[in-house]
Amino acid sequence: MILAATTTNDDLLGGVNDFFDSGAWMVIRNLTIFFVAVFWLATAYWVYKDARRRIEDPWLVAMATMLGLVPPFIGPIIYLFFRPPEYIEDVRERELEIRAMEDRLSKRDLHCPVCRAAVEATFLVCPVCTTRLKQACVKCNAPLEALWQICPHCATPVSTPSLPAVDDTIGDSWTAPRATPRAAPRRKRAAESD
């Protein structure tokens, strides 16, 4: 009876055992190993290409590539966490844009605030739209900046034009608010009641 039990067990597992000993299983196993190896090398190559676009130092690119190779499938994930956030091209482009903006600001190209026409620093009026740009000195007619208190050319004090809507006599008509009497403190009330 024991012999009959072993033969039935062999019959049950015999089909599975025959499959793993067959040539079809060997082809499936070898193809799976091949595709896993190709995927592993492809992720390592992706790490290499991405590191070259993000890192300038060749030693760091080599270390990132080794990280993509050595712990298979985990290395690229670790690289994703620690890679630089920007491409080298984007960093250079941003630096060029900043440099161009700084150059533009340093040149201080003057434009009319109304029509945006180019004007020079010595213009009192925009030649295109006749907008008044600066005030002229009363004595030497040199253009004055808005914040200047005195003309740097002839030392004449700058007279600020008064605004028509502002009343200069407001100081004469203003009165201080009246003081209201305060309630007596509690100590005095307590002393008065005794």
Protein backbone atom coordinates (compact mmCIF):
# COMPACT_ATOMS: atom_id res chain seq x y z
CA MET A 1 0.00 0.00 0.00
CA ILE A 2 2.80 2.36 0.70
CA LEU A 3 4.14 1.61 -2.74
CA ALA A 4 0.79 2.50 -4.32
CA ALA A 5 0.72 5.84 -2.42
CA THR A 6 4.13 6.85 -3.76
CA THR A 7 3.19 6.08 -7.33
CA THR A 8 0.09 8.25 -7.11
CA ASN A 9 2.18 11.11 -5.65
CA ASP A 10 4.60 10.70 -8.54
CA ASP A 11 1.68 10.81 -10.93
CA LEU A 12 0.42 14.08 -9.37
CA LEU A 13 3.78 15.83 -9.35
CA GLY A 14 5.05 14.04 -12.40
CA GLY A 15 3.33 16.52 -14.76
CA VAL A 16 4.82 19.51 -12.95
CA ASN A 17 8.22 17.82 -12.82
CA ASP A 18 8.00 17.01 -16.52
CA PHE A 19 7.18 20.66 -17.32
CA PHE A 20 10.22 21.98 -15.44
CA ASP A 21 12.43 19.43 -17.18
CA SER A 22 11.06 20.28 -20.63
CA GLY A 23 12.65 22.52 -23.25
CA ALA A 24 9.69 24.98 -23.14
CA TRP A 25 10.47 25.80 -19.51
CA MET A 26 14.13 26.37 -20.35
CA VAL A 27 13.15 28.80 -23.14
CA ILE A 28 10.71 30.69 -20.87
CA ARG A 29 13.29 30.86 -18.06
CA ASN A 30 16.09 32.04 -20.36
CA LEU A 31 13.89 34.65 -22.04
CA THR A 32 12.76 35.97 -18.64
CA ILE A 33 16.35 36.23 -17.43
CA PHE A 34 17.32 37.92 -20.71
CA PHE A 35 14.51 40.53 -20.49
CA VAL A 36 15.23 41.23 -16.81
CA ALA A 37 18.92 41.74 -17.64
CA VAL A 38 18.03 44.01 -20.60
CA PHE A 39 15.67 46.04 -18.39
CA TRP A 40 18.36 46.31 -15.70
CA LEU A 41 20.93 47.56 -18.21
CA ALA A 42 18.37 49.92 -19.75
CA THR A 43 17.67 51.52 -16.35
CA ALA A 44 21.42 51.88 -15.75
CA TYR A 45 21.79 53.50 -19.20
CA TRP A 46 18.89 55.85 -18.42
CA VAL A 47 20.63 56.86 -15.16
CA TYR A 48 23.82 57.54 -17.14
CA LYS A 49 22.03 59.68 -19.76
CA ASP A 50 20.04 61.60 -17.15
CA ALA A 51 23.12 62.19 -14.97
CA ARG A 52 25.04 63.56 -17.97
CA ARG A 53 22.25 66.11 -18.55
CA ARG A 54 22.06 67.15 -14.88
CA ILE A 55 25.62 66.85 -13.49
CA GLU A 56 28.72 68.60 -14.84
CA ASP A 57 31.38 66.62 -12.97
CA PRO A 58 32.31 63.41 -14.85
CA TRP A 59 33.21 61.60 -11.61
CA LEU A 60 29.76 62.22 -10.21
CA VAL A 61 28.22 61.00 -13.47
CA ALA A 62 30.26 57.78 -13.15
CA MET A 63 29.18 57.35 -9.51
CA ALA A 64 25.52 57.86 -10.46
CA THR A 65 25.90 55.26 -13.22
CA MET A 66 27.44 52.81 -10.76
CA LEU A 67 24.55 53.49 -8.41
CA GLY A 68 22.18 52.63 -11.27
CA LEU A 69 24.05 49.36 -11.91
CA VAL A 70 25.04 47.91 -8.57
CA PRO A 71 21.81 47.59 -6.62
CA PRO A 72 19.66 46.38 -9.54
CA PHE A 73 16.32 48.19 -9.88
CA ILE A 74 16.78 49.93 -6.50
CA GLY A 75 19.74 52.09 -7.60
CA PRO A 76 17.75 54.09 -10.19
CA ILE A 77 15.08 54.78 -7.58
CA ILE A 78 17.73 56.02 -5.13
CA TYR A 79 19.17 58.17 -7.95
CA LEU A 80 15.71 59.66 -8.57
CA PHE A 81 15.59 60.87 -4.97
CA PHE A 82 19.03 62.52 -4.99
CA ARG A 83 19.48 63.78 -8.56
CA PRO A 84 19.72 67.55 -9.19
CA PRO A 85 16.33 69.09 -9.89
CA GLU A 86 17.35 70.95 -13.07
CA TYR A 87 19.11 70.17 -16.31
CA ILE A 88 22.45 71.89 -16.89
CA GLU A 89 20.97 73.56 -19.99
CA ASP A 90 18.12 75.02 -17.94
CA VAL A 91 20.54 76.37 -15.34
CA ARG A 92 22.70 77.99 -18.02
CA GLU A 93 19.63 79.44 -19.77
CA ARG A 94 18.34 80.90 -16.50
CA GLU A 95 21.77 82.41 -15.74
CA LEU A 96 21.85 83.97 -19.22
CA GLU A 97 18.37 85.44 -18.72
CA ILE A 98 19.40 86.88 -15.36
CA ARG A 99 22.57 88.33 -16.88
CA ALA A 100 20.56 89.88 -19.73
CA MET A 101 18.10 91.41 -17.26
CA GLU A 102 20.97 92.79 -15.18
CA ASP A 103 22.55 94.29 -18.31
CA ARG A 104 19.24 95.86 -19.29
CA LEU A 105 18.79 97.31 -15.82
CA SER A 106 22.37 98.58 -15.70
CA LYS A 107 21.96 100.38 -19.03
CA ARG A 108 18.84 101.98 -17.62
CA ASP A 109 17.14 102.55 -20.92
CA LEU A 110 14.78 105.44 -20.39
CA HIS A 111 11.31 105.37 -21.87
CA CYS A 112 8.39 107.74 -21.77
CA PRO A 113 5.86 106.47 -19.18
CA VAL A 114 2.96 107.25 -21.54
CA CYS A 115 4.00 106.21 -25.05
CA ARG A 116 7.10 104.06 -24.20
CA ALA A 117 9.23 106.00 -26.73
CA ALA A 118 12.96 106.11 -26.05
CA VAL A 119 14.01 109.32 -24.32
CA GLU A 120 17.33 110.61 -23.03
CA ALA A 121 18.10 111.60 -19.46
CA THR A 122 18.37 115.27 -20.45
CA PHE A 123 14.89 115.48 -22.03
CA LEU A 124 12.35 117.63 -20.19
CA VAL A 125 9.45 116.61 -22.45
CA CYS A 126 8.81 113.46 -24.52
CA PRO A 127 9.32 114.42 -28.19
CA VAL A 128 6.61 111.95 -29.33
CA CYS A 129 3.66 112.58 -27.01
CA THR A 130 4.79 115.83 -25.30
CA THR A 131 4.44 114.36 -21.81
CA ARG A 132 6.39 116.35 -19.20
CA LEU A 133 9.20 114.11 -17.98
CA LYS A 134 11.26 116.37 -15.68
CA GLN A 135 11.14 119.76 -14.11
CA ALA A 136 13.62 122.41 -15.31
CA CYS A 137 15.75 124.48 -12.97
CA VAL A 138 14.44 128.03 -12.63
CA LYS A 139 17.90 129.59 -12.97
CA CYS A 140 19.92 127.41 -15.41
CA ASN A 141 17.10 125.37 -17.08
CA ALA A 142 18.94 122.06 -16.42
CA PRO A 143 16.68 118.98 -16.05
CA LEU A 144 16.08 118.03 -12.41
CA GLU A 145 15.27 114.65 -10.93
CA ALA A 146 12.03 114.37 -8.97
CA LEU A 147 13.70 113.86 -5.57
CA TRP A 148 16.32 116.63 -5.84
CA GLN A 149 15.99 119.49 -3.40
CA ILE A 150 18.65 121.67 -5.03
CA CYS A 151 19.99 122.01 -8.56
CA PRO A 152 23.45 120.37 -8.75
CA HIS A 153 24.49 122.70 -11.60
CA CYS A 154 23.79 126.13 -10.12
CA ALA A 155 22.91 125.42 -6.43
CA THR A 156 19.44 126.94 -6.75
CA PRO A 157 16.82 125.44 -4.40
CA VAL A 158 14.17 123.49 -6.27
CA SER A 159 10.70 124.90 -5.94
CA THR A 160 8.11 122.16 -5.70
CA PRO A 161 4.93 123.02 -7.55
CA SER A 162 1.93 123.10 -5.25
CA LEU A 163 -0.92 120.79 -5.98
CA PRO A 164 -4.21 122.56 -6.72
CA ALA A 165 -6.35 120.22 -4.61
CA VAL A 166 -4.26 120.57 -1.44
CA ASP A 167 -5.26 123.31 0.99
CA ASP A 168 -2.23 124.86 2.69
CA THR A 169 -4.36 126.44 5.43
CA ILE A 170 -5.36 123.16 7.02
CA GLY A 171 -3.16 123.87 10.03
CA ASP A 172 -5.13 127.04 10.81
CA SER A 173 -8.52 125.36 10.70
CA TRP A 174 -7.65 122.24 12.66
CA THR A 175 -8.70 122.02 16.29
CA ALA A 176 -7.67 119.44 18.82
CA PRO A 177 -10.38 117.12 20.18
CA ARG A 178 -11.84 118.09 23.53
CA ALA A 179 -10.82 116.14 26.57
CA THR A 180 -13.66 114.19 28.19
CA PRO A 181 -13.88 114.10 32.00
CA ARG A 182 -12.86 110.78 33.50
CA ALA A 183 -14.69 108.90 36.17
CA ALA A 184 -13.23 109.20 39.65
CA PRO A 185 -10.92 106.40 40.70
CA ARG A 186 -12.31 103.73 43.05
CA ARG A 187 -10.03 104.63 45.97
CA LYS A 188 -11.41 108.15 46.17
CA ARG A 189 -14.96 106.86 46.06
CA ALA A 190 -14.23 104.41 48.85
CA ALA A 191 -12.63 107.18 50.97
CA GLU A 192 -15.59 109.51 50.39
CA SER A 193 -18.11 106.88 51.46
CA ASP A 194 -16.35 106.37 54.85
